[in-house]
């Protein structure tokens, strides 16, 4: 198919995470964690001491790595850098906003869900013509 994005899979594709400690710990226990040869991890634990710049830098790093297929980001963290998340428009890696223990998921704030709703509403308008 023309325009299709492929994920390079020499070994496997990774899931990167930006979230609170409890969420990261759960995913690490599930086996999602990775440390490369330069001792760089595929996750960032966000707490009260984490700066916005550190979150932005991690987001930009994870979205530009060739071996990352999905970036999971807690929705409350995504809201901190909403302008960066909303400006990201590539299909791979996919950005998924997830809930955390102390911050429930709000579908109204999810940028991916709002884009999907917009596309479906645009399609339904064009089908009526």
N, C-alpha and C. Protein backbone atom coordinates (compact mmCIF):
# COMPACT_ATOMS: atom_id res chain seq x y z
N UNK A 1 0.84 -1.18 0.00
CA UNK A 1 0.00 0.00 0.00
C UNK A 1 0.88 1.24 0.00
N UNK A 2 0.50 2.21 -0.77
CA UNK A 2 1.26 3.46 -0.82
C UNK A 2 1.02 4.26 0.45
N UNK A 3 2.07 4.87 0.95
CA UNK A 3 1.95 5.70 2.14
C UNK A 3 1.88 4.94 3.44
N UNK A 4 2.06 3.66 3.40
CA UNK A 4 1.98 2.86 4.61
C UNK A 4 3.29 2.96 5.39
N UNK A 5 3.19 3.14 6.68
CA UNK A 5 4.37 3.25 7.54
C UNK A 5 4.72 1.88 8.08
N UNK A 6 5.98 1.50 7.95
CA UNK A 6 6.41 0.22 8.50
C UNK A 6 7.30 0.45 9.71
N UNK A 7 7.24 -0.46 10.63
CA UNK A 7 8.06 -0.40 11.83
C UNK A 7 9.26 -1.29 11.62
N UNK A 8 10.47 -0.73 11.71
CA UNK A 8 11.64 -1.60 11.57
C UNK A 8 11.68 -2.63 12.70
N UNK A 9 11.78 -3.89 12.34
CA UNK A 9 11.72 -4.94 13.35
C UNK A 9 12.92 -5.87 13.26
N UNK A 10 14.11 -5.32 13.44
CA UNK A 10 15.28 -6.18 13.44
C UNK A 10 15.23 -7.13 14.63
N UNK A 11 14.85 -6.65 15.78
CA UNK A 11 14.64 -7.50 16.95
C UNK A 11 13.18 -7.44 17.35
N UNK A 12 12.77 -6.28 17.82
CA UNK A 12 11.37 -6.07 18.19
C UNK A 12 11.16 -4.58 18.40
N UNK A 13 9.91 -4.17 18.41
CA UNK A 13 9.58 -2.78 18.66
C UNK A 13 9.27 -2.61 20.14
N UNK A 14 9.60 -1.44 20.66
CA UNK A 14 9.43 -1.16 22.08
C UNK A 14 8.19 -0.33 22.36
N UNK A 15 7.75 -0.38 23.60
CA UNK A 15 6.74 0.53 24.11
C UNK A 15 7.46 1.45 25.08
N UNK A 16 7.36 2.76 24.85
CA UNK A 16 7.95 3.74 25.75
C UNK A 16 6.84 4.28 26.64
N UNK A 17 7.22 4.74 27.85
CA UNK A 17 6.22 5.19 28.82
C UNK A 17 6.65 6.47 29.51
N UNK A 18 5.69 7.36 29.71
CA UNK A 18 5.89 8.56 30.52
C UNK A 18 4.70 8.61 31.47
N UNK A 19 4.97 8.34 32.75
CA UNK A 19 3.85 8.24 33.70
C UNK A 19 4.37 8.31 35.13
N UNK A 20 3.45 8.16 36.07
CA UNK A 20 3.81 8.15 37.48
C UNK A 20 4.47 6.82 37.84
N UNK A 21 5.04 6.76 39.02
CA UNK A 21 5.81 5.59 39.44
C UNK A 21 4.97 4.32 39.49
N UNK A 22 3.75 4.39 39.99
CA UNK A 22 2.91 3.19 40.08
C UNK A 22 2.59 2.62 38.71
N UNK A 23 2.27 3.47 37.76
CA UNK A 23 1.95 3.02 36.41
C UNK A 23 3.17 2.40 35.74
N UNK A 24 4.30 3.08 35.85
CA UNK A 24 5.55 2.56 35.26
C UNK A 24 5.90 1.20 35.89
N UNK A 25 5.77 1.11 37.21
CA UNK A 25 6.10 -0.14 37.91
C UNK A 25 5.23 -1.29 37.39
N UNK A 26 3.95 -1.04 37.20
CA UNK A 26 3.06 -2.06 36.68
C UNK A 26 3.48 -2.56 35.31
N UNK A 27 3.84 -1.63 34.44
CA UNK A 27 4.28 -2.03 33.10
C UNK A 27 5.64 -2.72 33.14
N UNK A 28 6.52 -2.28 34.03
CA UNK A 28 7.82 -2.95 34.15
C UNK A 28 7.65 -4.38 34.65
N UNK A 29 6.72 -4.58 35.57
CA UNK A 29 6.45 -5.95 36.05
C UNK A 29 5.88 -6.83 34.94
N UNK A 30 5.20 -6.19 33.98
CA UNK A 30 4.64 -6.93 32.86
C UNK A 30 5.70 -7.21 31.78
N UNK A 31 6.91 -6.67 31.96
CA UNK A 31 7.99 -6.97 31.04
C UNK A 31 8.21 -5.96 29.93
N UNK A 32 7.69 -4.76 30.09
CA UNK A 32 7.80 -3.75 29.05
C UNK A 32 9.12 -2.98 29.10
N UNK A 33 9.83 -3.03 30.21
CA UNK A 33 11.04 -2.23 30.39
C UNK A 33 12.19 -2.63 29.49
N UNK A 34 13.04 -1.65 29.16
CA UNK A 34 14.22 -1.90 28.35
C UNK A 34 15.31 -0.90 28.72
N UNK A 35 16.55 -1.36 28.75
CA UNK A 35 17.70 -0.50 28.95
C UNK A 35 18.67 -0.81 27.81
N UNK A 36 19.07 0.23 27.05
CA UNK A 36 19.97 -0.01 25.92
C UNK A 36 21.43 0.01 26.35
N UNK A 37 22.32 -0.09 25.40
CA UNK A 37 23.75 -0.15 25.69
C UNK A 37 24.29 1.13 26.33
N UNK A 38 23.62 2.26 26.07
CA UNK A 38 24.04 3.54 26.67
C UNK A 38 23.37 3.76 28.02
N UNK A 39 22.71 2.73 28.55
CA UNK A 39 22.01 2.79 29.84
C UNK A 39 20.81 3.73 29.80
N UNK A 40 20.22 3.92 28.63
CA UNK A 40 19.01 4.73 28.48
C UNK A 40 17.80 3.81 28.59
N UNK A 41 16.82 4.26 29.35
CA UNK A 41 15.61 3.46 29.53
C UNK A 41 14.52 3.90 28.56
N UNK A 42 13.49 3.09 28.45
CA UNK A 42 12.36 3.42 27.59
C UNK A 42 11.19 3.98 28.41
N UNK A 43 11.49 4.59 29.55
CA UNK A 43 10.43 5.17 30.38
C UNK A 43 10.96 6.38 31.14
N UNK A 44 10.02 7.23 31.54
CA UNK A 44 10.32 8.37 32.41
C UNK A 44 9.30 8.36 33.53
N UNK A 45 9.79 8.32 34.76
CA UNK A 45 8.90 8.39 35.93
C UNK A 45 8.69 9.86 36.26
N UNK A 46 7.44 10.29 36.25
CA UNK A 46 7.09 11.68 36.52
C UNK A 46 6.61 11.80 37.96
N UNK A 47 7.25 12.70 38.70
CA UNK A 47 6.80 13.01 40.06
C UNK A 47 6.78 14.52 40.23
N UNK A 48 6.62 14.99 41.45
CA UNK A 48 6.50 16.44 41.68
C UNK A 48 7.78 17.19 41.37
N UNK A 49 8.91 16.49 41.31
CA UNK A 49 10.19 17.14 41.04
C UNK A 49 10.56 17.14 39.56
N UNK A 50 9.81 16.44 38.74
CA UNK A 50 10.11 16.35 37.32
C UNK A 50 9.74 17.65 36.62
N UNK A 51 10.66 18.19 35.86
CA UNK A 51 10.41 19.47 35.17
C UNK A 51 9.65 19.22 33.87
N UNK A 52 8.99 20.28 33.40
CA UNK A 52 8.28 20.20 32.13
C UNK A 52 9.27 19.95 30.99
N UNK A 53 10.43 20.53 31.09
CA UNK A 53 11.45 20.33 30.05
C UNK A 53 11.87 18.87 29.99
N UNK A 54 12.03 18.22 31.14
CA UNK A 54 12.39 16.80 31.15
C UNK A 54 11.30 15.95 30.50
N UNK A 55 10.05 16.30 30.75
CA UNK A 55 8.93 15.57 30.15
C UNK A 55 8.92 15.78 28.64
N UNK A 56 9.07 17.03 28.21
CA UNK A 56 9.11 17.34 26.78
C UNK A 56 10.26 16.62 26.11
N UNK A 57 11.44 16.67 26.72
CA UNK A 57 12.62 16.02 26.14
C UNK A 57 12.41 14.52 26.00
N UNK A 58 11.82 13.90 27.02
CA UNK A 58 11.56 12.46 26.95
C UNK A 58 10.55 12.15 25.85
N UNK A 59 9.51 12.95 25.74
CA UNK A 59 8.50 12.75 24.70
C UNK A 59 9.14 12.86 23.32
N UNK A 60 9.94 13.90 23.12
CA UNK A 60 10.59 14.09 21.82
C UNK A 60 11.59 12.97 21.53
N UNK A 61 12.30 12.52 22.55
CA UNK A 61 13.25 11.42 22.36
C UNK A 61 12.53 10.14 21.98
N UNK A 62 11.46 9.80 22.71
CA UNK A 62 10.74 8.56 22.44
C UNK A 62 10.06 8.58 21.07
N UNK A 63 9.57 9.74 20.64
CA UNK A 63 8.87 9.81 19.36
C UNK A 63 9.82 9.88 18.17
N UNK A 64 11.10 10.03 18.41
CA UNK A 64 12.06 10.05 17.30
C UNK A 64 12.91 8.79 17.24
N UNK A 65 12.80 7.90 18.23
CA UNK A 65 13.57 6.66 18.21
C UNK A 65 12.97 5.69 17.18
N UNK A 66 13.85 5.01 16.47
CA UNK A 66 13.40 4.08 15.44
C UNK A 66 12.80 2.80 15.98
N UNK A 67 13.17 2.42 17.20
CA UNK A 67 12.72 1.14 17.73
C UNK A 67 11.49 1.25 18.63
N UNK A 68 10.89 2.43 18.74
CA UNK A 68 9.70 2.62 19.57
C UNK A 68 8.46 2.62 18.67
N UNK A 69 7.50 1.76 18.99
CA UNK A 69 6.26 1.66 18.21
C UNK A 69 5.09 2.37 18.89
N UNK A 70 5.10 2.42 20.23
CA UNK A 70 4.01 3.02 20.97
C UNK A 70 4.59 3.83 22.13
N UNK A 71 4.03 5.01 22.36
CA UNK A 71 4.39 5.80 23.53
C UNK A 71 3.14 5.89 24.40
N UNK A 72 3.20 5.30 25.58
CA UNK A 72 2.11 5.40 26.55
C UNK A 72 2.42 6.59 27.45
N UNK A 73 1.47 7.49 27.59
CA UNK A 73 1.67 8.66 28.43
C UNK A 73 0.43 8.85 29.29
N UNK A 74 0.62 9.04 30.57
CA UNK A 74 -0.52 9.31 31.46
C UNK A 74 -1.19 10.60 31.00
N UNK A 75 -2.51 10.60 31.04
CA UNK A 75 -3.23 11.74 30.52
C UNK A 75 -2.91 13.03 31.27
N UNK A 76 -2.72 12.94 32.58
CA UNK A 76 -2.41 14.16 33.32
C UNK A 76 -1.03 14.68 32.95
N UNK A 77 -0.10 13.80 32.59
CA UNK A 77 1.22 14.23 32.12
C UNK A 77 1.09 14.83 30.72
N UNK A 78 0.28 14.20 29.88
CA UNK A 78 0.06 14.74 28.53
C UNK A 78 -0.54 16.14 28.59
N UNK A 79 -1.40 16.38 29.59
CA UNK A 79 -1.98 17.72 29.74
C UNK A 79 -0.92 18.76 30.09
N UNK A 80 0.15 18.33 30.77
CA UNK A 80 1.24 19.27 31.10
C UNK A 80 1.97 19.73 29.85
N UNK A 81 2.07 18.87 28.85
CA UNK A 81 2.76 19.22 27.61
C UNK A 81 1.79 19.08 26.43
N UNK A 82 0.56 19.49 26.63
CA UNK A 82 -0.49 19.29 25.63
C UNK A 82 -0.11 19.87 24.26
N UNK A 83 0.54 21.02 24.23
CA UNK A 83 0.90 21.63 22.96
C UNK A 83 1.88 20.75 22.18
N UNK A 84 2.74 20.03 22.86
CA UNK A 84 3.69 19.13 22.18
C UNK A 84 2.97 17.87 21.71
N UNK A 85 2.11 17.33 22.55
CA UNK A 85 1.37 16.12 22.19
C UNK A 85 0.44 16.40 21.01
N UNK A 86 -0.26 17.53 21.04
CA UNK A 86 -1.18 17.86 19.96
C UNK A 86 -0.47 18.15 18.64
N UNK A 87 0.75 18.64 18.71
CA UNK A 87 1.48 18.96 17.48
C UNK A 87 2.10 17.71 16.84
N UNK A 88 2.17 16.62 17.58
CA UNK A 88 2.71 15.37 17.03
C UNK A 88 1.68 14.76 16.10
N UNK A 89 2.08 14.43 14.86
CA UNK A 89 1.10 13.95 13.89
C UNK A 89 1.56 12.74 13.08
N UNK A 90 2.55 12.02 13.55
CA UNK A 90 3.03 10.85 12.83
C UNK A 90 2.27 9.60 13.31
N UNK A 91 2.10 8.63 12.42
CA UNK A 91 1.39 7.42 12.85
C UNK A 91 2.22 6.49 13.72
N UNK A 92 3.55 6.50 13.54
CA UNK A 92 4.43 5.63 14.32
C UNK A 92 5.56 6.47 14.86
N UNK A 93 5.82 6.45 16.14
CA UNK A 93 5.11 5.68 17.14
C UNK A 93 3.74 6.28 17.47
N UNK A 94 2.81 5.41 17.79
CA UNK A 94 1.47 5.84 18.18
C UNK A 94 1.51 6.37 19.61
N UNK A 95 0.76 7.44 19.85
CA UNK A 95 0.68 8.03 21.19
C UNK A 95 -0.65 7.61 21.80
N UNK A 96 -0.59 6.97 22.96
CA UNK A 96 -1.80 6.56 23.66
C UNK A 96 -1.81 7.17 25.05
N UNK A 97 -2.87 7.90 25.35
CA UNK A 97 -3.02 8.49 26.68
C UNK A 97 -3.77 7.50 27.56
N UNK A 98 -3.20 7.27 28.74
CA UNK A 98 -3.76 6.27 29.65
C UNK A 98 -4.08 6.90 31.00
N UNK A 99 -4.98 6.31 31.76
CA UNK A 99 -5.26 6.83 33.10
C UNK A 99 -4.16 6.43 34.07
N UNK A 100 -4.15 7.10 35.21
CA UNK A 100 -3.26 6.70 36.29
C UNK A 100 -4.09 6.51 37.55
N UNK A 101 -3.46 6.04 38.59
CA UNK A 101 -4.19 5.71 39.82
C UNK A 101 -4.88 6.94 40.42
N UNK A 102 -4.21 8.06 40.44
CA UNK A 102 -4.75 9.27 41.07
C UNK A 102 -5.43 10.23 40.11
N UNK A 103 -5.36 9.96 38.82
CA UNK A 103 -5.94 10.84 37.82
C UNK A 103 -6.75 10.01 36.83
N UNK A 104 -8.08 10.01 36.94
CA UNK A 104 -8.89 9.19 36.04
C UNK A 104 -8.82 9.71 34.59
N UNK A 105 -9.15 8.84 33.68
CA UNK A 105 -9.13 9.16 32.25
C UNK A 105 -10.33 10.02 31.89
N UNK A 106 -10.11 11.09 31.12
CA UNK A 106 -11.18 11.95 30.64
C UNK A 106 -11.16 11.95 29.12
N UNK A 107 -12.11 11.29 28.47
CA UNK A 107 -12.10 11.20 27.01
C UNK A 107 -12.14 12.56 26.32
N UNK A 108 -12.70 13.57 26.98
CA UNK A 108 -12.79 14.89 26.37
C UNK A 108 -11.41 15.54 26.19
N UNK A 109 -10.43 15.10 26.96
CA UNK A 109 -9.09 15.69 26.88
C UNK A 109 -8.13 14.90 26.00
N UNK A 110 -8.54 13.75 25.51
CA UNK A 110 -7.66 12.89 24.71
C UNK A 110 -7.57 13.42 23.28
N UNK A 111 -6.37 13.81 22.86
CA UNK A 111 -6.19 14.40 21.54
C UNK A 111 -6.43 13.39 20.43
N UNK A 112 -6.02 12.14 20.62
CA UNK A 112 -6.22 11.12 19.59
C UNK A 112 -7.71 10.84 19.41
N UNK A 113 -8.43 10.71 20.51
CA UNK A 113 -9.87 10.46 20.43
C UNK A 113 -10.60 11.62 19.76
N UNK A 114 -10.18 12.85 20.05
CA UNK A 114 -10.83 14.00 19.41
C UNK A 114 -10.55 14.03 17.91
N UNK A 115 -9.37 13.60 17.49
CA UNK A 115 -9.07 13.52 16.05
C UNK A 115 -9.92 12.47 15.38
N UNK A 116 -10.09 11.32 16.03
CA UNK A 116 -10.92 10.25 15.47
C UNK A 116 -12.36 10.71 15.34
N UNK A 117 -12.88 11.37 16.37
CA UNK A 117 -14.25 11.88 16.30
C UNK A 117 -14.40 12.87 15.17
N UNK A 118 -13.41 13.72 14.98
CA UNK A 118 -13.45 14.70 13.89
C UNK A 118 -13.47 14.01 12.54
N UNK A 119 -12.63 12.99 12.37
CA UNK A 119 -12.58 12.27 11.10
C UNK A 119 -13.90 11.58 10.81
N UNK A 120 -14.49 10.94 11.82
CA UNK A 120 -15.76 10.27 11.60
C UNK A 120 -16.88 11.26 11.33
N UNK A 121 -16.86 12.40 11.97
CA UNK A 121 -17.89 13.40 11.70
C UNK A 121 -17.71 13.99 10.31
N UNK A 122 -16.49 14.17 9.85
CA UNK A 122 -16.23 14.66 8.50
C UNK A 122 -16.66 13.64 7.47
N UNK A 123 -16.42 12.34 7.73
CA UNK A 123 -16.84 11.30 6.82
C UNK A 123 -18.35 11.22 6.74
N UNK A 124 -19.03 11.35 7.86
CA UNK A 124 -20.48 11.25 7.86
C UNK A 124 -21.10 12.42 7.11
N UNK A 125 -20.47 13.59 7.19
CA UNK A 125 -20.96 14.75 6.44
C UNK A 125 -20.77 14.53 4.97
N UNK A 126 -19.63 13.98 4.55
CA UNK A 126 -19.37 13.74 3.12
C UNK A 126 -20.25 12.62 2.56
N UNK A 127 -20.64 11.65 3.39
CA UNK A 127 -21.51 10.56 2.93
C UNK A 127 -22.92 11.05 2.67
N UNK A 128 -23.35 12.09 3.37
CA UNK A 128 -24.71 12.61 3.20
C UNK A 128 -24.85 13.38 1.90
N UNK A 129 -23.76 13.78 1.30
CA UNK A 129 -23.84 14.59 0.05
C UNK A 129 -24.16 13.75 -1.14
